[in-house]
Amino acid sequence: MKILLVGASGVLGTAVAAELGARHDIIRAGRTGDVQIDIRDPASIRAAFEQVGTCDAVISAAGKVKFAPLPEMTAEDYAIGIADKLMGQVNLVLIGKDFVTDGGSFTLTTGVLAHDPIRKGSSASMVNGAVDSFVKAAAIELPRGLRINSVSPGVLLESMGGYAPFFRGHEPVPAARAALAFSKSVEGALTGQVFSVL
């Protein structure tokens, strides 16, 4: 398969590339990589797809949100996650559906905070929940047998250096184990699913 991996240089993206790259052709996209893309900008997304051409699967391991105490959050702070992790991933699907082959797939990334919130994580919880809901709804309407799922990992082991104070009591997930869920999404047959990796 020819797989467009957005966010390939991050901790999760690197693990996904290692997992699927042994069997498939991975096109790495992001601020660096084979293809430059800014998921906040629909024109950038379209340009990236036009550069890549048709592909069999799209994986998003990208998306930013702001972490801050709720009393300090503003509408502009929430807009960061909405424009980036939410609409960035939604637009990958809306634009990408015309570039993915019949029966191909999209796999988006959310996270444990959708259903297990932490202090300072209200934006992440909101956006993750919205993406998971979009996946379930989009699955019943995507044309040409296209599939869509999300992977919702717990806090990554490799990221605990910065996130440990916020995730007390959470068992971290190795990125390589989270990457297996992306294989399940891309190489399996399910659609409209949220694959939790805890």
N, C-alpha and C. Protein backbone atom coordinates (compact mmCIF):
# COMPACT_ATOMS: atom_id res chain seq x y z
N MET A 1 0.82 -1.20 0.00
CA MET A 1 0.00 0.00 0.00
C MET A 1 0.86 1.26 0.00
N LYS A 2 0.31 2.30 -0.56
CA LYS A 2 0.92 3.63 -0.51
C LYS A 2 0.18 4.42 0.57
N ILE A 3 0.90 4.78 1.64
CA ILE A 3 0.29 5.39 2.82
C ILE A 3 0.86 6.77 3.04
N LEU A 4 -0.02 7.76 3.12
CA LEU A 4 0.39 9.11 3.50
C LEU A 4 0.29 9.23 5.01
N LEU A 5 1.42 9.46 5.65
CA LEU A 5 1.49 9.57 7.11
C LEU A 5 1.77 11.02 7.48
N VAL A 6 0.78 11.67 8.04
CA VAL A 6 0.90 13.08 8.45
C VAL A 6 1.31 13.12 9.92
N GLY A 7 2.34 13.89 10.21
CA GLY A 7 2.89 13.90 11.57
C GLY A 7 3.93 12.82 11.75
N ALA A 8 4.62 12.49 10.68
CA ALA A 8 5.53 11.34 10.67
C ALA A 8 6.76 11.53 11.55
N SER A 9 7.12 12.78 11.85
CA SER A 9 8.35 13.00 12.61
C SER A 9 8.14 13.01 14.12
N GLY A 10 6.90 12.97 14.56
CA GLY A 10 6.63 12.96 16.00
C GLY A 10 6.87 11.60 16.62
N VAL A 11 6.71 11.53 17.93
CA VAL A 11 6.93 10.28 18.66
C VAL A 11 6.02 9.19 18.13
N LEU A 12 4.73 9.48 18.04
CA LEU A 12 3.78 8.48 17.55
C LEU A 12 3.98 8.19 16.08
N GLY A 13 4.15 9.24 15.28
CA GLY A 13 4.35 9.06 13.85
C GLY A 13 5.56 8.22 13.52
N THR A 14 6.64 8.41 14.26
CA THR A 14 7.85 7.62 14.04
C THR A 14 7.58 6.14 14.29
N ALA A 15 6.82 5.85 15.35
CA ALA A 15 6.49 4.45 15.68
C ALA A 15 5.57 3.85 14.63
N VAL A 16 4.63 4.64 14.14
CA VAL A 16 3.71 4.15 13.10
C VAL A 16 4.47 3.87 11.81
N ALA A 17 5.40 4.74 11.47
CA ALA A 17 6.22 4.54 10.26
C ALA A 17 7.04 3.26 10.38
N ALA A 18 7.57 3.00 11.56
CA ALA A 18 8.36 1.78 11.77
C ALA A 18 7.49 0.54 11.66
N GLU A 19 6.28 0.61 12.20
CA GLU A 19 5.38 -0.54 12.19
C GLU A 19 4.89 -0.86 10.78
N LEU A 20 4.41 0.14 10.07
CA LEU A 20 3.82 -0.11 8.76
C LEU A 20 4.84 -0.05 7.62
N GLY A 21 5.97 0.62 7.86
CA GLY A 21 6.96 0.78 6.81
C GLY A 21 7.63 -0.51 6.38
N ALA A 22 7.57 -1.53 7.23
CA ALA A 22 8.16 -2.82 6.87
C ALA A 22 7.37 -3.50 5.75
N ARG A 23 6.10 -3.10 5.58
CA ARG A 23 5.24 -3.78 4.62
C ARG A 23 4.68 -2.87 3.52
N HIS A 24 4.78 -1.57 3.75
CA HIS A 24 4.13 -0.63 2.84
C HIS A 24 5.04 0.55 2.52
N ASP A 25 4.65 1.30 1.50
CA ASP A 25 5.37 2.50 1.09
C ASP A 25 4.82 3.69 1.88
N ILE A 26 5.65 4.24 2.77
CA ILE A 26 5.23 5.34 3.62
C ILE A 26 5.72 6.66 3.05
N ILE A 27 4.79 7.58 2.84
CA ILE A 27 5.14 8.94 2.44
C ILE A 27 5.00 9.80 3.68
N ARG A 28 6.12 10.33 4.15
CA ARG A 28 6.14 11.10 5.40
C ARG A 28 5.79 12.55 5.12
N ALA A 29 4.79 13.06 5.85
CA ALA A 29 4.35 14.43 5.67
C ALA A 29 4.32 15.16 7.00
N GLY A 30 4.54 16.46 6.93
CA GLY A 30 4.52 17.30 8.12
C GLY A 30 5.27 18.58 7.85
N ARG A 31 5.76 19.19 8.89
CA ARG A 31 6.57 20.40 8.69
C ARG A 31 7.89 20.05 8.02
N THR A 32 8.32 18.79 8.21
CA THR A 32 9.48 18.25 7.51
C THR A 32 9.05 16.93 6.88
N GLY A 33 9.91 16.32 6.08
CA GLY A 33 9.59 15.03 5.50
C GLY A 33 9.51 15.08 3.99
N ASP A 34 8.92 14.03 3.41
CA ASP A 34 8.80 13.92 1.96
C ASP A 34 7.89 15.00 1.38
N VAL A 35 6.85 15.35 2.15
CA VAL A 35 5.84 16.31 1.72
C VAL A 35 5.61 17.31 2.85
N GLN A 36 5.60 18.59 2.51
CA GLN A 36 5.32 19.63 3.50
C GLN A 36 3.80 19.83 3.59
N ILE A 37 3.29 19.88 4.84
CA ILE A 37 1.86 20.09 5.02
C ILE A 37 1.61 20.81 6.33
N ASP A 38 0.66 21.72 6.29
CA ASP A 38 0.17 22.40 7.49
C ASP A 38 -1.31 22.08 7.57
N ILE A 39 -1.70 21.21 8.51
CA ILE A 39 -3.09 20.75 8.53
C ILE A 39 -4.07 21.85 8.94
N ARG A 40 -3.57 22.97 9.42
CA ARG A 40 -4.46 24.09 9.74
C ARG A 40 -4.93 24.82 8.49
N ASP A 41 -4.30 24.53 7.36
CA ASP A 41 -4.55 25.27 6.11
C ASP A 41 -5.07 24.31 5.03
N PRO A 42 -6.37 24.41 4.68
CA PRO A 42 -6.90 23.52 3.65
C PRO A 42 -6.14 23.58 2.33
N ALA A 43 -5.63 24.76 1.97
CA ALA A 43 -4.87 24.89 0.72
C ALA A 43 -3.58 24.07 0.79
N SER A 44 -2.95 24.05 1.96
CA SER A 44 -1.74 23.26 2.15
C SER A 44 -2.06 21.76 2.07
N ILE A 45 -3.19 21.38 2.64
CA ILE A 45 -3.61 19.97 2.58
C ILE A 45 -3.83 19.56 1.12
N ARG A 46 -4.56 20.38 0.39
CA ARG A 46 -4.84 20.06 -1.01
C ARG A 46 -3.55 19.97 -1.84
N ALA A 47 -2.64 20.91 -1.59
CA ALA A 47 -1.37 20.90 -2.32
C ALA A 47 -0.57 19.64 -2.02
N ALA A 48 -0.62 19.19 -0.76
CA ALA A 48 0.10 17.96 -0.40
C ALA A 48 -0.50 16.75 -1.12
N PHE A 49 -1.83 16.66 -1.14
CA PHE A 49 -2.46 15.54 -1.84
C PHE A 49 -2.18 15.59 -3.34
N GLU A 50 -2.17 16.77 -3.90
CA GLU A 50 -1.88 16.88 -5.33
C GLU A 50 -0.44 16.47 -5.63
N GLN A 51 0.46 16.73 -4.70
CA GLN A 51 1.85 16.30 -4.86
C GLN A 51 1.98 14.79 -4.76
N VAL A 52 1.25 14.20 -3.81
CA VAL A 52 1.34 12.75 -3.58
C VAL A 52 0.58 11.97 -4.64
N GLY A 53 -0.55 12.52 -5.08
CA GLY A 53 -1.41 11.78 -6.01
C GLY A 53 -2.27 10.80 -5.23
N THR A 54 -2.73 9.77 -5.90
CA THR A 54 -3.59 8.81 -5.20
C THR A 54 -2.78 8.00 -4.19
N CYS A 55 -3.46 7.62 -3.11
CA CYS A 55 -2.84 6.75 -2.11
C CYS A 55 -3.91 5.80 -1.59
N ASP A 56 -3.47 4.79 -0.88
CA ASP A 56 -4.39 3.75 -0.39
C ASP A 56 -4.85 3.99 1.03
N ALA A 57 -4.11 4.81 1.78
CA ALA A 57 -4.47 5.08 3.16
C ALA A 57 -3.86 6.41 3.58
N VAL A 58 -4.57 7.09 4.47
CA VAL A 58 -4.08 8.32 5.09
C VAL A 58 -4.10 8.12 6.60
N ILE A 59 -2.97 8.41 7.22
CA ILE A 59 -2.87 8.34 8.68
C ILE A 59 -2.51 9.73 9.19
N SER A 60 -3.24 10.19 10.19
CA SER A 60 -2.88 11.43 10.85
C SER A 60 -2.40 11.12 12.26
N ALA A 61 -1.15 11.45 12.52
CA ALA A 61 -0.60 11.37 13.88
C ALA A 61 -0.21 12.78 14.30
N ALA A 62 -1.03 13.74 13.88
CA ALA A 62 -0.73 15.15 14.10
C ALA A 62 -1.88 15.82 14.83
N GLY A 63 -1.59 16.98 15.38
CA GLY A 63 -2.64 17.79 16.00
C GLY A 63 -2.21 18.37 17.32
N LYS A 64 -2.39 19.68 17.46
CA LYS A 64 -2.00 20.38 18.68
C LYS A 64 -3.22 20.95 19.39
N VAL A 65 -3.12 21.01 20.71
CA VAL A 65 -4.12 21.68 21.56
C VAL A 65 -3.37 22.44 22.64
N LYS A 66 -4.06 23.35 23.30
CA LYS A 66 -3.44 24.08 24.41
C LYS A 66 -3.84 23.45 25.72
N PHE A 67 -2.86 23.25 26.60
CA PHE A 67 -3.09 22.76 27.95
C PHE A 67 -2.97 23.94 28.91
N ALA A 68 -4.02 24.22 29.65
CA ALA A 68 -4.01 25.29 30.64
C ALA A 68 -5.21 25.11 31.57
N PRO A 69 -5.16 25.67 32.78
CA PRO A 69 -6.32 25.57 33.67
C PRO A 69 -7.56 26.19 33.04
N LEU A 70 -8.70 25.56 33.24
CA LEU A 70 -9.94 26.04 32.65
C LEU A 70 -10.21 27.53 32.93
N PRO A 71 -10.00 28.02 34.17
CA PRO A 71 -10.29 29.44 34.42
C PRO A 71 -9.41 30.40 33.60
N GLU A 72 -8.30 29.90 33.09
CA GLU A 72 -7.41 30.74 32.29
C GLU A 72 -7.65 30.61 30.79
N MET A 73 -8.41 29.61 30.38
CA MET A 73 -8.63 29.37 28.96
C MET A 73 -9.54 30.44 28.36
N THR A 74 -9.22 30.83 27.14
CA THR A 74 -10.05 31.79 26.39
C THR A 74 -10.58 31.11 25.13
N ALA A 75 -11.48 31.80 24.46
CA ALA A 75 -11.98 31.27 23.19
C ALA A 75 -10.83 31.07 22.20
N GLU A 76 -9.87 31.98 22.22
CA GLU A 76 -8.72 31.86 21.32
C GLU A 76 -7.88 30.64 21.66
N ASP A 77 -7.77 30.30 22.95
CA ASP A 77 -7.02 29.11 23.35
C ASP A 77 -7.70 27.84 22.84
N TYR A 78 -9.03 27.79 22.95
CA TYR A 78 -9.74 26.63 22.43
C TYR A 78 -9.66 26.57 20.91
N ALA A 79 -9.59 27.73 20.28
CA ALA A 79 -9.53 27.78 18.81
C ALA A 79 -8.27 27.11 18.28
N ILE A 80 -7.20 27.07 19.08
CA ILE A 80 -5.97 26.41 18.64
C ILE A 80 -6.24 24.94 18.33
N GLY A 81 -6.84 24.23 19.27
CA GLY A 81 -7.14 22.82 19.07
C GLY A 81 -8.21 22.58 18.02
N ILE A 82 -9.18 23.49 17.96
CA ILE A 82 -10.25 23.34 16.97
C ILE A 82 -9.68 23.47 15.56
N ALA A 83 -8.82 24.47 15.35
CA ALA A 83 -8.25 24.68 14.02
C ALA A 83 -7.23 23.61 13.65
N ASP A 84 -6.49 23.11 14.64
CA ASP A 84 -5.39 22.19 14.37
C ASP A 84 -5.84 20.73 14.48
N LYS A 85 -6.02 20.23 15.67
CA LYS A 85 -6.29 18.79 15.83
C LYS A 85 -7.67 18.37 15.36
N LEU A 86 -8.67 19.25 15.49
CA LEU A 86 -10.02 18.90 15.05
C LEU A 86 -10.20 19.14 13.55
N MET A 87 -10.25 20.41 13.13
CA MET A 87 -10.52 20.68 11.72
C MET A 87 -9.37 20.27 10.82
N GLY A 88 -8.15 20.27 11.34
CA GLY A 88 -7.02 19.78 10.55
C GLY A 88 -7.24 18.34 10.12
N GLN A 89 -7.66 17.50 11.06
CA GLN A 89 -7.89 16.09 10.74
C GLN A 89 -9.17 15.91 9.92
N VAL A 90 -10.22 16.68 10.24
CA VAL A 90 -11.45 16.62 9.45
C VAL A 90 -11.16 17.00 8.00
N ASN A 91 -10.37 18.05 7.79
CA ASN A 91 -10.06 18.49 6.43
C ASN A 91 -9.19 17.49 5.68
N LEU A 92 -8.35 16.74 6.40
CA LEU A 92 -7.61 15.66 5.74
C LEU A 92 -8.56 14.66 5.10
N VAL A 93 -9.70 14.42 5.78
CA VAL A 93 -10.69 13.50 5.24
C VAL A 93 -11.50 14.15 4.12
N LEU A 94 -11.99 15.37 4.37
CA LEU A 94 -12.83 16.04 3.37
C LEU A 94 -12.10 16.24 2.05
N ILE A 95 -10.84 16.63 2.12
CA ILE A 95 -10.05 16.84 0.91
C ILE A 95 -9.47 15.52 0.41
N GLY A 96 -9.01 14.70 1.33
CA GLY A 96 -8.34 13.46 0.96
C GLY A 96 -9.23 12.40 0.35
N LYS A 97 -10.53 12.46 0.60
CA LYS A 97 -11.43 11.43 0.07
C LYS A 97 -11.36 11.33 -1.45
N ASP A 98 -11.00 12.42 -2.10
CA ASP A 98 -10.91 12.40 -3.56
C ASP A 98 -9.57 11.85 -4.06
N PHE A 99 -8.65 11.58 -3.15
CA PHE A 99 -7.33 11.10 -3.52
C PHE A 99 -7.05 9.68 -3.04
N VAL A 100 -7.94 9.14 -2.19
CA VAL A 100 -7.75 7.78 -1.65
C VAL A 100 -8.48 6.78 -2.54
N THR A 101 -7.81 5.70 -2.84
CA THR A 101 -8.36 4.68 -3.74
C THR A 101 -9.60 4.01 -3.14
N ASP A 102 -10.43 3.43 -4.01
CA ASP A 102 -11.62 2.72 -3.55
C ASP A 102 -11.23 1.69 -2.48
N GLY A 103 -12.00 1.67 -1.40
CA GLY A 103 -11.73 0.73 -0.32
C GLY A 103 -10.58 1.13 0.59
N GLY A 104 -10.02 2.32 0.36
CA GLY A 104 -8.91 2.80 1.20
C GLY A 104 -9.40 3.28 2.55
N SER A 105 -8.48 3.85 3.32
CA SER A 105 -8.85 4.19 4.69
C SER A 105 -8.20 5.47 5.18
N PHE A 106 -8.86 6.04 6.20
CA PHE A 106 -8.32 7.14 6.99
C PHE A 106 -8.20 6.67 8.43
N THR A 107 -7.10 7.02 9.08
CA THR A 107 -6.95 6.75 10.51
C THR A 107 -6.50 8.04 11.18
N LEU A 108 -7.34 8.54 12.08
CA LEU A 108 -7.07 9.77 12.80
C LEU A 108 -6.59 9.45 14.21
N THR A 109 -6.04 10.46 14.89
CA THR A 109 -5.52 10.25 16.24
C THR A 109 -6.27 11.13 17.23
N THR A 110 -6.71 10.52 18.33
CA THR A 110 -7.35 11.26 19.42
C THR A 110 -6.56 10.99 20.70
N GLY A 111 -7.21 10.49 21.72
CA GLY A 111 -6.47 10.21 22.95
C GLY A 111 -7.38 9.95 24.13
N VAL A 112 -6.78 9.45 25.17
CA VAL A 112 -7.48 8.99 26.37
C VAL A 112 -8.28 10.10 27.04
N LEU A 113 -7.90 11.35 26.84
CA LEU A 113 -8.58 12.45 27.55
C LEU A 113 -10.01 12.64 27.07
N ALA A 114 -10.38 12.04 25.96
CA ALA A 114 -11.77 12.12 25.50
C ALA A 114 -12.72 11.55 26.54
N HIS A 115 -12.26 10.54 27.28
CA HIS A 115 -13.14 9.90 28.26
C HIS A 115 -12.52 9.79 29.65
N ASP A 116 -11.29 10.29 29.82
CA ASP A 116 -10.62 10.22 31.12
C ASP A 116 -9.87 11.54 31.33
N PRO A 117 -10.60 12.63 31.61
CA PRO A 117 -10.01 13.96 31.62
C PRO A 117 -9.03 14.20 32.76
N ILE A 118 -8.17 15.18 32.54
CA ILE A 118 -7.20 15.60 33.54
C ILE A 118 -7.31 17.12 33.71
N ARG A 119 -6.75 17.63 34.80
CA ARG A 119 -6.67 19.08 34.96
C ARG A 119 -5.84 19.68 33.82
N LYS A 120 -6.22 20.84 33.37
CA LYS A 120 -5.56 21.59 32.31
C LYS A 120 -5.76 20.97 30.93
N GLY A 121 -6.59 19.93 30.82
CA GLY A 121 -6.75 19.24 29.55
C GLY A 121 -8.12 19.37 28.92
N SER A 122 -8.89 20.41 29.29
CA SER A 122 -10.26 20.51 28.77
C SER A 122 -10.30 20.64 27.25
N SER A 123 -9.34 21.36 26.67
CA SER A 123 -9.33 21.50 25.21
C SER A 123 -9.04 20.16 24.54
N ALA A 124 -8.08 19.42 25.07
CA ALA A 124 -7.75 18.10 24.51
C ALA A 124 -8.95 17.16 24.63
N SER A 125 -9.63 17.18 25.77
CA SER A 125 -10.81 16.33 25.94
C SER A 125 -11.89 16.68 24.93
N MET A 126 -12.14 17.97 24.76
CA MET A 126 -13.16 18.44 23.83
C MET A 126 -12.85 18.02 22.40
N VAL A 127 -11.62 18.29 21.97
CA VAL A 127 -11.24 18.01 20.60
C VAL A 127 -11.19 16.50 20.33
N ASN A 128 -10.60 15.74 21.25
CA ASN A 128 -10.54 14.29 21.06
C ASN A 128 -11.93 13.69 20.93
N GLY A 129 -12.85 14.14 21.80
CA GLY A 129 -14.22 13.63 21.74
C GLY A 129 -14.89 13.99 20.42
N ALA A 130 -14.63 15.21 19.94
CA ALA A 130 -15.22 15.64 18.68
C ALA A 130 -14.70 14.81 17.50
N VAL A 131 -13.39 14.54 17.49
CA VAL A 131 -12.82 13.75 16.40
C VAL A 131 -13.38 12.33 16.43
N ASP A 132 -13.46 11.73 17.62
CA ASP A 132 -14.02 10.38 17.72
C ASP A 132 -15.46 10.35 17.21
N SER A 133 -16.24 11.36 17.54
CA SER A 133 -17.63 11.41 17.07
C SER A 133 -17.69 11.62 15.56
N PHE A 134 -16.81 12.45 15.03
CA PHE A 134 -16.76 12.64 13.57
C PHE A 134 -16.48 11.32 12.87
N VAL A 135 -15.54 10.55 13.39
CA VAL A 135 -15.18 9.26 12.79
C VAL A 135 -16.41 8.35 12.71
N LYS A 136 -17.15 8.27 13.78
CA LYS A 136 -18.33 7.39 13.81
C LYS A 136 -19.38 7.84 12.79
N ALA A 137 -19.56 9.16 12.68
CA ALA A 137 -20.55 9.69 11.74
C ALA A 137 -20.07 9.59 10.29
N ALA A 138 -18.81 9.93 10.06
CA ALA A 138 -18.29 9.90 8.68
C ALA A 138 -18.29 8.50 8.10
N ALA A 139 -18.12 7.50 8.96
CA ALA A 139 -18.04 6.11 8.49
C ALA A 139 -19.30 5.67 7.75
N ILE A 140 -20.44 6.24 8.11
CA ILE A 140 -21.69 5.80 7.47
C ILE A 140 -21.97 6.55 6.17
N GLU A 141 -21.10 7.54 5.84
CA GLU A 141 -21.36 8.33 4.65
C GLU A 141 -20.21 8.37 3.65
N LEU A 142 -19.06 7.90 4.01
CA LEU A 142 -17.94 7.95 3.07
C LEU A 142 -18.25 7.11 1.82
N PRO A 143 -17.91 7.61 0.65
CA PRO A 143 -18.22 6.89 -0.59
C PRO A 143 -17.18 5.81 -0.91
N ARG A 144 -17.48 5.01 -1.91
CA ARG A 144 -16.54 4.08 -2.55
C ARG A 144 -15.89 3.08 -1.59
N GLY A 145 -16.59 2.72 -0.53
CA GLY A 145 -16.05 1.74 0.39
C GLY A 145 -14.91 2.26 1.25
N LEU A 146 -14.75 3.59 1.28
CA LEU A 146 -13.69 4.16 2.13
C LEU A 146 -14.01 3.91 3.59
N ARG A 147 -12.98 3.61 4.37
CA ARG A 147 -13.14 3.36 5.80
C ARG A 147 -12.48 4.49 6.59
N ILE A 148 -12.93 4.66 7.84
CA ILE A 148 -12.33 5.65 8.73
C ILE A 148 -12.41 5.16 10.18
N ASN A 149 -11.30 5.30 10.90
CA ASN A 149 -11.23 4.95 12.31
C ASN A 149 -10.36 5.97 13.02
N SER A 150 -10.41 5.96 14.34
CA SER A 150 -9.46 6.76 15.12
C SER A 150 -8.74 5.84 16.10
N VAL A 151 -7.52 6.24 16.44
CA VAL A 151 -6.74 5.56 17.46
C VAL A 151 -6.64 6.49 18.66
N SER A 152 -7.01 5.98 19.82
CA SER A 152 -7.07 6.78 21.04
C SER A 152 -6.13 6.18 22.09
N PRO A 153 -4.85 6.56 22.03
CA PRO A 153 -3.90 6.00 23.00
C PRO A 153 -3.89 6.74 24.32
N GLY A 154 -3.44 6.04 25.36
CA GLY A 154 -3.13 6.71 26.61
C GLY A 154 -1.88 7.55 26.43
N VAL A 155 -1.45 8.21 27.49
CA VAL A 155 -0.24 9.02 27.40
C VAL A 155 0.93 8.12 26.99
N LEU A 156 1.72 8.59 26.04
CA LEU A 156 2.81 7.77 25.52
C LEU A 156 3.98 7.73 26.49
N LEU A 157 4.54 6.56 26.63
CA LEU A 157 5.68 6.36 27.53
C LEU A 157 6.81 7.32 27.18
N GLU A 158 7.06 7.49 25.90
CA GLU A 158 8.17 8.34 25.44
C GLU A 158 7.93 9.82 25.72
N SER A 159 6.68 10.19 26.03
CA SER A 159 6.35 11.59 26.29
C SER A 159 6.22 11.90 27.78
N MET A 160 6.45 10.91 28.61
CA MET A 160 6.22 11.10 30.05
C MET A 160 7.17 12.12 30.68
N GLY A 161 8.31 12.37 30.03
CA GLY A 161 9.24 13.37 30.57
C GLY A 161 8.57 14.71 30.75
N GLY A 162 7.70 15.09 29.83
CA GLY A 162 7.02 16.37 29.92
C GLY A 162 5.62 16.29 30.49
N TYR A 163 4.98 15.12 30.35
CA TYR A 163 3.57 15.01 30.72
C TYR A 163 3.31 14.32 32.06
N ALA A 164 4.31 13.70 32.66
CA ALA A 164 4.11 12.93 33.89
C ALA A 164 3.36 13.69 34.98
N PRO A 165 3.66 14.97 35.22
CA PRO A 165 2.94 15.66 36.30
C PRO A 165 1.44 15.76 36.08
N PHE A 166 1.01 15.69 34.83
CA PHE A 166 -0.42 15.82 34.52
C PHE A 166 -1.14 14.46 34.50
N PHE A 167 -0.38 13.38 34.40
CA PHE A 167 -0.97 12.06 34.21
C PHE A 167 -0.62 11.12 35.37
N ARG A 168 -0.68 11.63 36.61
CA ARG A 168 -0.43 10.77 37.76
C ARG A 168 -1.46 9.64 37.79
N GLY A 169 -0.97 8.43 38.00
CA GLY A 169 -1.85 7.27 38.08
C GLY A 169 -2.17 6.63 36.74
N HIS A 170 -1.78 7.28 35.66
CA HIS A 170 -2.01 6.70 34.33
C HIS A 170 -0.85 5.78 33.98
N GLU A 171 -1.17 4.63 33.42
CA GLU A 171 -0.12 3.73 32.95
C GLU A 171 0.25 4.13 31.53
N PRO A 172 1.49 4.56 31.29
CA PRO A 172 1.86 5.02 29.95
C PRO A 172 1.90 3.87 28.95
N VAL A 173 1.68 4.23 27.70
CA VAL A 173 1.62 3.28 26.60
C VAL A 173 2.86 3.46 25.72
N PRO A 174 3.64 2.42 25.47
CA PRO A 174 4.75 2.55 24.53
C PRO A 174 4.23 2.90 23.14
N ALA A 175 4.90 3.81 22.47
CA ALA A 175 4.46 4.23 21.14
C ALA A 175 4.37 3.05 20.17
N ALA A 176 5.27 2.09 20.31
CA ALA A 176 5.25 0.92 19.42
C ALA A 176 3.97 0.11 19.60
N ARG A 177 3.43 0.08 20.82
CA ARG A 177 2.17 -0.65 21.05
C ARG A 177 1.01 0.14 20.48
N ALA A 178 1.03 1.46 20.63
CA ALA A 178 -0.02 2.29 20.04
C ALA A 178 -0.01 2.14 18.52
N ALA A 179 1.18 1.99 17.94
CA ALA A 179 1.30 1.87 16.49
C ALA A 179 0.58 0.64 15.95
N LEU A 180 0.46 -0.40 16.76
CA LEU A 180 -0.24 -1.61 16.32
C LEU A 180 -1.70 -1.31 15.98
N ALA A 181 -2.30 -0.38 16.70
CA ALA A 181 -3.70 -0.04 16.42
C ALA A 181 -3.85 0.61 15.05
N PHE A 182 -2.82 1.32 14.61
CA PHE A 182 -2.85 1.91 13.27
C PHE A 182 -2.79 0.81 12.21
N SER A 183 -2.01 -0.23 12.47
CA SER A 183 -1.98 -1.37 11.56
C SER A 183 -3.35 -2.03 11.49
N LYS A 184 -4.00 -2.17 12.64
CA LYS A 184 -5.33 -2.77 12.67
C LYS A 184 -6.31 -1.95 11.84
N SER A 185 -6.21 -0.63 11.95
CA SER A 185 -7.10 0.24 11.19
C SER A 185 -6.82 0.17 9.69
N VAL A 186 -5.56 0.29 9.32
CA VAL A 186 -5.19 0.35 7.91
C VAL A 186 -5.33 -1.01 7.23
N GLU A 187 -4.88 -2.05 7.87
CA GLU A 187 -4.82 -3.37 7.23
C GLU A 187 -6.03 -4.24 7.52
N GLY A 188 -6.89 -3.80 8.44
CA GLY A 188 -8.08 -4.57 8.78
C GLY A 188 -9.27 -4.16 7.94
N ALA A 189 -10.47 -4.48 8.43
CA ALA A 189 -11.69 -4.23 7.66
C ALA A 189 -12.69 -3.36 8.41
N LEU A 190 -12.40 -2.99 9.64
CA LEU A 190 -13.36 -2.26 10.45
C LEU A 190 -13.42 -0.78 10.05
N THR A 191 -14.58 -0.17 10.32
CA THR A 191 -14.75 1.25 10.07
C THR A 191 -15.65 1.85 11.14
N GLY A 192 -15.49 3.15 11.38
CA GLY A 192 -16.29 3.83 12.39
C GLY A 192 -15.90 3.48 13.80
N GLN A 193 -14.70 2.97 13.98
CA GLN A 193 -14.25 2.49 15.29
C GLN A 193 -13.28 3.47 15.95
N VAL A 194 -13.28 3.46 17.29
CA VAL A 194 -12.27 4.14 18.07
C VAL A 194 -11.45 3.05 18.74
N PHE A 195 -10.20 2.90 18.32
CA PHE A 195 -9.33 1.87 18.88
C PHE A 195 -8.58 2.47 20.08
N SER A 196 -9.01 2.09 21.27
CA SER A 196 -8.36 2.58 22.48
C SER A 196 -7.14 1.72 22.78
N VAL A 197 -6.03 2.38 23.11
CA VAL A 197 -4.81 1.67 23.48
C VAL A 197 -4.42 2.17 24.86
N LEU A 198 -4.70 1.36 25.87
CA LEU A 198 -4.47 1.76 27.26
C LEU A 198 -3.49 0.83 27.94
